[in-house]
Amino acid sequence: MTERLVSKSMSARQIVNLLLDASVWDAACIMTKANCGSVLIFDTTGQMRGIVTERDLMTRVLAKALDPKTTLVSQVMTANPHCVGPNTTVSEAILIMIERGFRHLPIKSIDGKIIGIFSASDALPKEIDAAMTMAQFHQQLNESA
């Protein structure tokens, strides 16, 4: 069985983005409206400069009592986030995320265009289904023994 690729496993949501001079308040509002856990940060030339996640909002803004309306995303973003190509396997992506301590991984095409964001939750549905099937099988074995 061929392993899934991140490009085939990421959520079908659109890429949410803001400019460097947007406020943290703007980031929180756009993430809430789009029902997503991260926003990519771009400069005026269209180059991705960073990513802001829900965790960033909690640890870099709320925990430090910063004002979300006056704090810029550029002040709290993770600059130059690690990206992977669309043919990266889900297991490779999850390993990168575990080793580097993050849950969102931008996917960049060969020509450098951002085509989506793979999140840890994108890896779960198929694996959870497989685990449930395995658990049911084990339960049946135990009941028949």
N, C-alpha and C. Protein backbone atom coordinates (compact mmCIF):
# COMPACT_ATOMS: atom_id res chain seq x y z
N MET A 1 0.84 -1.18 0.00
CA MET A 1 0.00 0.00 0.00
C MET A 1 0.89 1.25 0.00
N THR A 2 0.62 2.17 -0.90
CA THR A 2 1.39 3.40 -1.01
C THR A 2 1.01 4.34 0.12
N GLU A 3 2.02 4.96 0.69
CA GLU A 3 1.75 5.89 1.78
C GLU A 3 1.17 7.20 1.24
N ARG A 4 0.30 7.79 2.01
CA ARG A 4 -0.34 9.05 1.62
C ARG A 4 0.66 10.19 1.55
N LEU A 5 0.39 11.12 0.65
CA LEU A 5 1.20 12.32 0.51
C LEU A 5 0.50 13.49 1.19
N VAL A 6 1.28 14.46 1.64
CA VAL A 6 0.68 15.62 2.31
C VAL A 6 -0.26 16.38 1.39
N SER A 7 0.08 16.44 0.10
CA SER A 7 -0.76 17.18 -0.85
C SER A 7 -2.14 16.55 -1.01
N LYS A 8 -2.25 15.26 -0.75
CA LYS A 8 -3.52 14.56 -0.86
C LYS A 8 -4.25 14.47 0.48
N SER A 9 -3.56 14.83 1.55
CA SER A 9 -4.11 14.66 2.89
C SER A 9 -4.48 15.95 3.59
N MET A 10 -4.01 17.08 3.07
CA MET A 10 -4.29 18.35 3.75
C MET A 10 -5.76 18.72 3.60
N SER A 11 -6.21 19.48 4.56
CA SER A 11 -7.59 19.97 4.52
C SER A 11 -7.81 20.78 3.25
N ALA A 12 -9.00 20.74 2.73
CA ALA A 12 -9.32 21.43 1.47
C ALA A 12 -9.60 22.91 1.66
N ARG A 13 -9.22 23.46 2.79
CA ARG A 13 -9.47 24.87 3.05
C ARG A 13 -8.54 25.76 2.24
N GLN A 14 -8.99 26.98 2.02
CA GLN A 14 -8.15 27.94 1.32
C GLN A 14 -7.02 28.40 2.23
N ILE A 15 -5.97 28.93 1.63
CA ILE A 15 -4.84 29.43 2.40
C ILE A 15 -5.22 30.79 2.99
N VAL A 16 -5.10 30.91 4.29
CA VAL A 16 -5.42 32.16 4.98
C VAL A 16 -4.11 32.92 5.16
N ASN A 17 -4.11 34.20 4.76
CA ASN A 17 -2.87 34.97 4.86
C ASN A 17 -3.13 36.42 5.21
N LEU A 18 -2.10 37.04 5.74
CA LEU A 18 -2.12 38.46 6.09
C LEU A 18 -0.77 39.06 5.75
N LEU A 19 -0.72 40.38 5.73
CA LEU A 19 0.54 41.10 5.52
C LEU A 19 1.26 41.30 6.86
N LEU A 20 2.55 41.57 6.78
CA LEU A 20 3.38 41.74 7.97
C LEU A 20 2.88 42.79 8.95
N ASP A 21 2.20 43.82 8.44
CA ASP A 21 1.76 44.90 9.31
C ASP A 21 0.36 44.71 9.90
N ALA A 22 -0.21 43.51 9.71
CA ALA A 22 -1.52 43.21 10.30
C ALA A 22 -1.36 43.01 11.81
N SER A 23 -2.44 43.24 12.52
CA SER A 23 -2.40 43.06 13.97
C SER A 23 -2.71 41.61 14.34
N VAL A 24 -2.34 41.25 15.54
CA VAL A 24 -2.67 39.93 16.07
C VAL A 24 -4.19 39.78 16.13
N TRP A 25 -4.88 40.87 16.42
CA TRP A 25 -6.35 40.86 16.43
C TRP A 25 -6.88 40.45 15.06
N ASP A 26 -6.30 41.00 14.00
CA ASP A 26 -6.68 40.63 12.63
C ASP A 26 -6.47 39.14 12.40
N ALA A 27 -5.34 38.63 12.86
CA ALA A 27 -5.02 37.21 12.69
C ALA A 27 -6.05 36.33 13.40
N ALA A 28 -6.36 36.69 14.64
CA ALA A 28 -7.33 35.90 15.40
C ALA A 28 -8.71 35.93 14.73
N CYS A 29 -9.09 37.08 14.23
CA CYS A 29 -10.40 37.20 13.58
C CYS A 29 -10.46 36.40 12.28
N ILE A 30 -9.43 36.49 11.46
CA ILE A 30 -9.45 35.77 10.18
C ILE A 30 -9.36 34.27 10.40
N MET A 31 -8.59 33.83 11.41
CA MET A 31 -8.50 32.41 11.71
C MET A 31 -9.83 31.88 12.22
N THR A 32 -10.51 32.68 13.03
CA THR A 32 -11.82 32.28 13.55
C THR A 32 -12.83 32.18 12.42
N LYS A 33 -12.85 33.19 11.55
CA LYS A 33 -13.79 33.20 10.43
C LYS A 33 -13.55 32.02 9.48
N ALA A 34 -12.28 31.69 9.23
CA ALA A 34 -11.94 30.60 8.32
C ALA A 34 -11.93 29.24 9.01
N ASN A 35 -12.12 29.24 10.32
CA ASN A 35 -12.10 28.01 11.12
C ASN A 35 -10.80 27.22 10.88
N CYS A 36 -9.67 27.92 11.04
CA CYS A 36 -8.38 27.28 10.84
C CYS A 36 -7.44 27.64 11.98
N GLY A 37 -6.34 26.92 12.09
CA GLY A 37 -5.43 27.09 13.21
C GLY A 37 -4.17 27.87 12.92
N SER A 38 -4.07 28.41 11.69
CA SER A 38 -2.87 29.17 11.37
C SER A 38 -3.15 30.17 10.25
N VAL A 39 -2.28 31.15 10.16
CA VAL A 39 -2.34 32.13 9.08
C VAL A 39 -0.91 32.39 8.60
N LEU A 40 -0.73 32.39 7.29
CA LEU A 40 0.59 32.68 6.72
C LEU A 40 0.76 34.18 6.60
N ILE A 41 1.99 34.64 6.83
CA ILE A 41 2.29 36.06 6.80
C ILE A 41 3.18 36.35 5.60
N PHE A 42 2.74 37.30 4.77
CA PHE A 42 3.45 37.66 3.54
C PHE A 42 3.89 39.11 3.59
N ASP A 43 4.93 39.43 2.81
CA ASP A 43 5.32 40.83 2.65
C ASP A 43 4.60 41.38 1.42
N THR A 44 4.82 42.65 1.13
CA THR A 44 4.10 43.29 0.03
C THR A 44 4.53 42.79 -1.34
N THR A 45 5.65 42.06 -1.42
CA THR A 45 6.08 41.50 -2.71
C THR A 45 5.50 40.11 -2.94
N GLY A 46 4.74 39.59 -1.97
CA GLY A 46 4.14 38.27 -2.11
C GLY A 46 4.98 37.13 -1.59
N GLN A 47 6.07 37.44 -0.90
CA GLN A 47 6.92 36.40 -0.32
C GLN A 47 6.43 36.02 1.07
N MET A 48 6.33 34.72 1.35
CA MET A 48 5.94 34.28 2.68
C MET A 48 7.08 34.58 3.64
N ARG A 49 6.76 35.22 4.74
CA ARG A 49 7.76 35.60 5.74
C ARG A 49 7.60 34.86 7.06
N GLY A 50 6.39 34.32 7.30
CA GLY A 50 6.17 33.66 8.57
C GLY A 50 4.82 33.00 8.66
N ILE A 51 4.57 32.45 9.85
CA ILE A 51 3.29 31.82 10.15
C ILE A 51 2.92 32.16 11.59
N VAL A 52 1.65 32.38 11.81
CA VAL A 52 1.11 32.60 13.16
C VAL A 52 0.08 31.51 13.40
N THR A 53 0.20 30.85 14.53
CA THR A 53 -0.72 29.76 14.87
C THR A 53 -1.49 30.08 16.15
N GLU A 54 -2.47 29.24 16.42
CA GLU A 54 -3.24 29.40 17.66
C GLU A 54 -2.31 29.35 18.87
N ARG A 55 -1.34 28.45 18.81
CA ARG A 55 -0.39 28.33 19.93
C ARG A 55 0.41 29.62 20.09
N ASP A 56 0.80 30.23 18.97
CA ASP A 56 1.52 31.50 19.04
C ASP A 56 0.67 32.57 19.73
N LEU A 57 -0.61 32.60 19.40
CA LEU A 57 -1.50 33.58 20.02
C LEU A 57 -1.56 33.38 21.52
N MET A 58 -1.59 32.11 21.94
CA MET A 58 -1.68 31.81 23.36
C MET A 58 -0.36 32.09 24.09
N THR A 59 0.75 31.60 23.54
CA THR A 59 2.02 31.69 24.28
C THR A 59 2.77 33.00 24.07
N ARG A 60 2.61 33.62 22.91
CA ARG A 60 3.38 34.82 22.61
C ARG A 60 2.60 36.11 22.77
N VAL A 61 1.28 35.98 22.90
CA VAL A 61 0.45 37.19 23.06
C VAL A 61 -0.29 37.16 24.39
N LEU A 62 -1.20 36.21 24.56
CA LEU A 62 -2.01 36.16 25.78
C LEU A 62 -1.17 35.95 27.04
N ALA A 63 -0.26 34.98 27.02
CA ALA A 63 0.54 34.69 28.20
C ALA A 63 1.46 35.84 28.58
N LYS A 64 1.73 36.73 27.63
CA LYS A 64 2.59 37.88 27.90
C LYS A 64 1.79 39.17 28.05
N ALA A 65 0.47 39.02 28.05
CA ALA A 65 -0.45 40.14 28.24
C ALA A 65 -0.23 41.27 27.23
N LEU A 66 0.07 40.89 25.98
CA LEU A 66 0.21 41.90 24.93
C LEU A 66 -1.16 42.28 24.39
N ASP A 67 -1.29 43.49 23.93
CA ASP A 67 -2.55 43.97 23.37
C ASP A 67 -2.66 43.46 21.94
N PRO A 68 -3.64 42.61 21.65
CA PRO A 68 -3.76 42.04 20.31
C PRO A 68 -4.06 43.08 19.23
N LYS A 69 -4.63 44.21 19.61
CA LYS A 69 -4.96 45.22 18.61
C LYS A 69 -3.76 46.08 18.22
N THR A 70 -2.74 46.12 19.07
CA THR A 70 -1.56 46.93 18.75
C THR A 70 -0.31 46.09 18.48
N THR A 71 -0.38 44.81 18.77
CA THR A 71 0.75 43.91 18.50
C THR A 71 0.65 43.43 17.06
N LEU A 72 1.75 43.54 16.32
CA LEU A 72 1.77 43.12 14.93
C LEU A 72 2.08 41.63 14.82
N VAL A 73 1.54 41.00 13.78
CA VAL A 73 1.83 39.58 13.56
C VAL A 73 3.32 39.37 13.36
N SER A 74 4.00 40.35 12.78
CA SER A 74 5.44 40.23 12.54
C SER A 74 6.23 40.14 13.84
N GLN A 75 5.64 40.58 14.95
CA GLN A 75 6.31 40.53 16.25
C GLN A 75 6.19 39.16 16.91
N VAL A 76 5.20 38.38 16.53
CA VAL A 76 4.95 37.11 17.22
C VAL A 76 4.98 35.89 16.30
N MET A 77 5.16 36.11 15.01
CA MET A 77 5.14 35.00 14.06
C MET A 77 6.41 34.15 14.18
N THR A 78 6.33 32.96 13.67
CA THR A 78 7.50 32.13 13.46
C THR A 78 8.01 32.51 12.07
N ALA A 79 9.17 33.14 12.02
CA ALA A 79 9.72 33.60 10.75
C ALA A 79 10.25 32.43 9.93
N ASN A 80 10.13 32.57 8.62
CA ASN A 80 10.66 31.58 7.68
C ASN A 80 10.35 30.15 8.08
N PRO A 81 9.07 29.79 8.17
CA PRO A 81 8.73 28.44 8.62
C PRO A 81 9.24 27.37 7.67
N HIS A 82 9.52 26.22 8.24
CA HIS A 82 9.95 25.07 7.46
C HIS A 82 8.81 24.69 6.52
N CYS A 83 9.12 24.42 5.26
CA CYS A 83 8.12 24.01 4.27
C CYS A 83 8.52 22.65 3.71
N VAL A 84 7.55 21.94 3.18
CA VAL A 84 7.81 20.67 2.50
C VAL A 84 7.16 20.70 1.13
N GLY A 85 7.61 19.80 0.28
CA GLY A 85 7.03 19.68 -1.05
C GLY A 85 5.76 18.85 -1.03
N PRO A 86 4.98 18.92 -2.09
CA PRO A 86 3.70 18.20 -2.15
C PRO A 86 3.85 16.68 -2.15
N ASN A 87 5.02 16.17 -2.50
CA ASN A 87 5.22 14.72 -2.53
C ASN A 87 5.82 14.17 -1.24
N THR A 88 5.88 14.99 -0.21
CA THR A 88 6.33 14.52 1.10
C THR A 88 5.27 13.58 1.65
N THR A 89 5.70 12.47 2.22
CA THR A 89 4.73 11.54 2.80
C THR A 89 4.23 12.07 4.13
N VAL A 90 3.05 11.61 4.51
CA VAL A 90 2.46 12.03 5.78
C VAL A 90 3.39 11.67 6.94
N SER A 91 3.96 10.48 6.91
CA SER A 91 4.85 10.09 8.02
C SER A 91 6.09 10.97 8.08
N GLU A 92 6.65 11.35 6.92
CA GLU A 92 7.80 12.25 6.91
C GLU A 92 7.42 13.61 7.49
N ALA A 93 6.26 14.11 7.11
CA ALA A 93 5.79 15.40 7.60
C ALA A 93 5.57 15.37 9.11
N ILE A 94 4.94 14.32 9.59
CA ILE A 94 4.69 14.20 11.04
C ILE A 94 6.01 14.11 11.80
N LEU A 95 6.98 13.39 11.26
CA LEU A 95 8.28 13.29 11.91
C LEU A 95 8.94 14.68 12.01
N ILE A 96 8.89 15.44 10.93
CA ILE A 96 9.44 16.80 10.95
C ILE A 96 8.73 17.63 12.02
N MET A 97 7.42 17.53 12.07
CA MET A 97 6.64 18.31 13.02
C MET A 97 6.96 17.92 14.47
N ILE A 98 7.12 16.64 14.72
CA ILE A 98 7.45 16.17 16.07
C ILE A 98 8.84 16.64 16.46
N GLU A 99 9.80 16.43 15.58
CA GLU A 99 11.18 16.79 15.89
C GLU A 99 11.37 18.29 16.07
N ARG A 100 10.62 19.10 15.34
CA ARG A 100 10.79 20.55 15.41
C ARG A 100 9.77 21.25 16.29
N GLY A 101 8.78 20.49 16.78
CA GLY A 101 7.84 21.04 17.75
C GLY A 101 6.78 21.96 17.21
N PHE A 102 6.27 21.68 16.03
CA PHE A 102 5.16 22.48 15.53
C PHE A 102 4.10 21.59 14.90
N ARG A 103 2.92 22.18 14.64
CA ARG A 103 1.76 21.42 14.19
C ARG A 103 1.24 21.83 12.82
N HIS A 104 1.87 22.82 12.21
CA HIS A 104 1.45 23.31 10.89
C HIS A 104 2.67 23.39 9.98
N LEU A 105 2.51 22.88 8.78
CA LEU A 105 3.63 22.78 7.85
C LEU A 105 3.18 23.26 6.47
N PRO A 106 3.65 24.44 6.05
CA PRO A 106 3.29 24.91 4.70
C PRO A 106 3.82 23.95 3.63
N ILE A 107 3.03 23.78 2.58
CA ILE A 107 3.42 22.94 1.45
C ILE A 107 3.72 23.88 0.29
N LYS A 108 4.93 23.73 -0.23
CA LYS A 108 5.41 24.62 -1.29
C LYS A 108 5.64 23.79 -2.56
N SER A 109 5.10 24.28 -3.68
CA SER A 109 5.28 23.60 -4.96
C SER A 109 6.72 23.76 -5.44
N ILE A 110 7.06 23.04 -6.49
CA ILE A 110 8.42 23.09 -7.04
C ILE A 110 8.79 24.51 -7.46
N ASP A 111 7.81 25.28 -7.94
CA ASP A 111 8.10 26.65 -8.36
C ASP A 111 8.05 27.66 -7.20
N GLY A 112 7.92 27.16 -5.97
CA GLY A 112 7.97 28.03 -4.79
C GLY A 112 6.65 28.60 -4.33
N LYS A 113 5.55 28.22 -4.96
CA LYS A 113 4.24 28.73 -4.58
C LYS A 113 3.67 27.91 -3.41
N ILE A 114 3.10 28.60 -2.44
CA ILE A 114 2.45 27.91 -1.32
C ILE A 114 1.13 27.33 -1.82
N ILE A 115 0.96 26.02 -1.68
CA ILE A 115 -0.26 25.38 -2.18
C ILE A 115 -1.18 24.89 -1.06
N GLY A 116 -0.74 25.03 0.18
CA GLY A 116 -1.58 24.62 1.29
C GLY A 116 -0.79 24.51 2.57
N ILE A 117 -1.50 24.14 3.62
CA ILE A 117 -0.86 23.92 4.92
C ILE A 117 -1.31 22.55 5.41
N PHE A 118 -0.34 21.72 5.73
CA PHE A 118 -0.61 20.41 6.31
C PHE A 118 -0.55 20.58 7.81
N SER A 119 -1.58 20.13 8.51
CA SER A 119 -1.57 20.23 9.97
C SER A 119 -1.59 18.83 10.56
N ALA A 120 -1.21 18.74 11.81
CA ALA A 120 -1.17 17.45 12.49
C ALA A 120 -2.52 16.75 12.40
N SER A 121 -3.59 17.50 12.47
CA SER A 121 -4.92 16.88 12.40
C SER A 121 -5.22 16.30 11.02
N ASP A 122 -4.53 16.76 9.99
CA ASP A 122 -4.73 16.19 8.64
C ASP A 122 -4.24 14.75 8.57
N ALA A 123 -3.35 14.37 9.47
CA ALA A 123 -2.82 13.01 9.48
C ALA A 123 -3.74 12.05 10.23
N LEU A 124 -4.65 12.58 11.00
CA LEU A 124 -5.42 11.74 11.91
C LEU A 124 -6.54 10.89 11.32
N PRO A 125 -7.39 11.39 10.46
CA PRO A 125 -8.59 10.62 10.10
C PRO A 125 -8.34 9.18 9.67
N LYS A 126 -7.45 8.98 8.74
CA LYS A 126 -7.20 7.62 8.25
C LYS A 126 -6.58 6.75 9.34
N GLU A 127 -5.64 7.31 10.09
CA GLU A 127 -4.97 6.56 11.13
C GLU A 127 -5.93 6.24 12.28
N ILE A 128 -6.79 7.17 12.61
CA ILE A 128 -7.77 6.91 13.67
C ILE A 128 -8.73 5.81 13.24
N ASP A 129 -9.17 5.86 11.99
CA ASP A 129 -10.05 4.82 11.47
C ASP A 129 -9.37 3.46 11.53
N ALA A 130 -8.10 3.41 11.14
CA ALA A 130 -7.36 2.15 11.18
C ALA A 130 -7.21 1.66 12.61
N ALA A 131 -6.95 2.57 13.54
CA ALA A 131 -6.81 2.20 14.95
C ALA A 131 -8.13 1.68 15.52
N MET A 132 -9.24 2.32 15.14
CA MET A 132 -10.55 1.86 15.60
C MET A 132 -10.84 0.45 15.07
N THR A 133 -10.52 0.20 13.82
CA THR A 133 -10.71 -1.12 13.24
C THR A 133 -9.87 -2.16 13.98
N MET A 134 -8.63 -1.80 14.28
CA MET A 134 -7.74 -2.70 15.01
C MET A 134 -8.28 -2.96 16.42
N ALA A 135 -8.77 -1.92 17.08
CA ALA A 135 -9.31 -2.07 18.43
C ALA A 135 -10.54 -2.98 18.42
N GLN A 136 -11.39 -2.79 17.41
CA GLN A 136 -12.57 -3.66 17.30
C GLN A 136 -12.17 -5.10 17.06
N PHE A 137 -11.16 -5.31 16.23
CA PHE A 137 -10.66 -6.66 15.96
C PHE A 137 -10.13 -7.30 17.24
N HIS A 138 -9.35 -6.53 18.03
CA HIS A 138 -8.81 -7.04 19.29
C HIS A 138 -9.93 -7.37 20.26
N GLN A 139 -10.95 -6.52 20.29
CA GLN A 139 -12.09 -6.78 21.18
C GLN A 139 -12.79 -8.06 20.79
N GLN A 140 -12.99 -8.29 19.51
CA GLN A 140 -13.62 -9.52 19.04
C GLN A 140 -12.79 -10.75 19.39
N LEU A 141 -11.47 -10.62 19.26
CA LEU A 141 -10.59 -11.73 19.63
C LEU A 141 -10.72 -12.05 21.12
N ASN A 142 -10.74 -11.01 21.95
CA ASN A 142 -10.85 -11.20 23.40
C ASN A 142 -12.19 -11.82 23.77
N GLU A 143 -13.25 -11.40 23.11
CA GLU A 143 -14.59 -11.94 23.40
C GLU A 143 -14.71 -13.39 22.99
N SER A 144 -14.05 -13.78 21.91
CA SER A 144 -14.15 -15.17 21.44
C SER A 144 -13.23 -16.10 22.22
N ALA A 145 -12.27 -15.57 22.94
CA ALA A 145 -11.31 -16.42 23.69
C ALA A 145 -11.84 -16.86 25.02
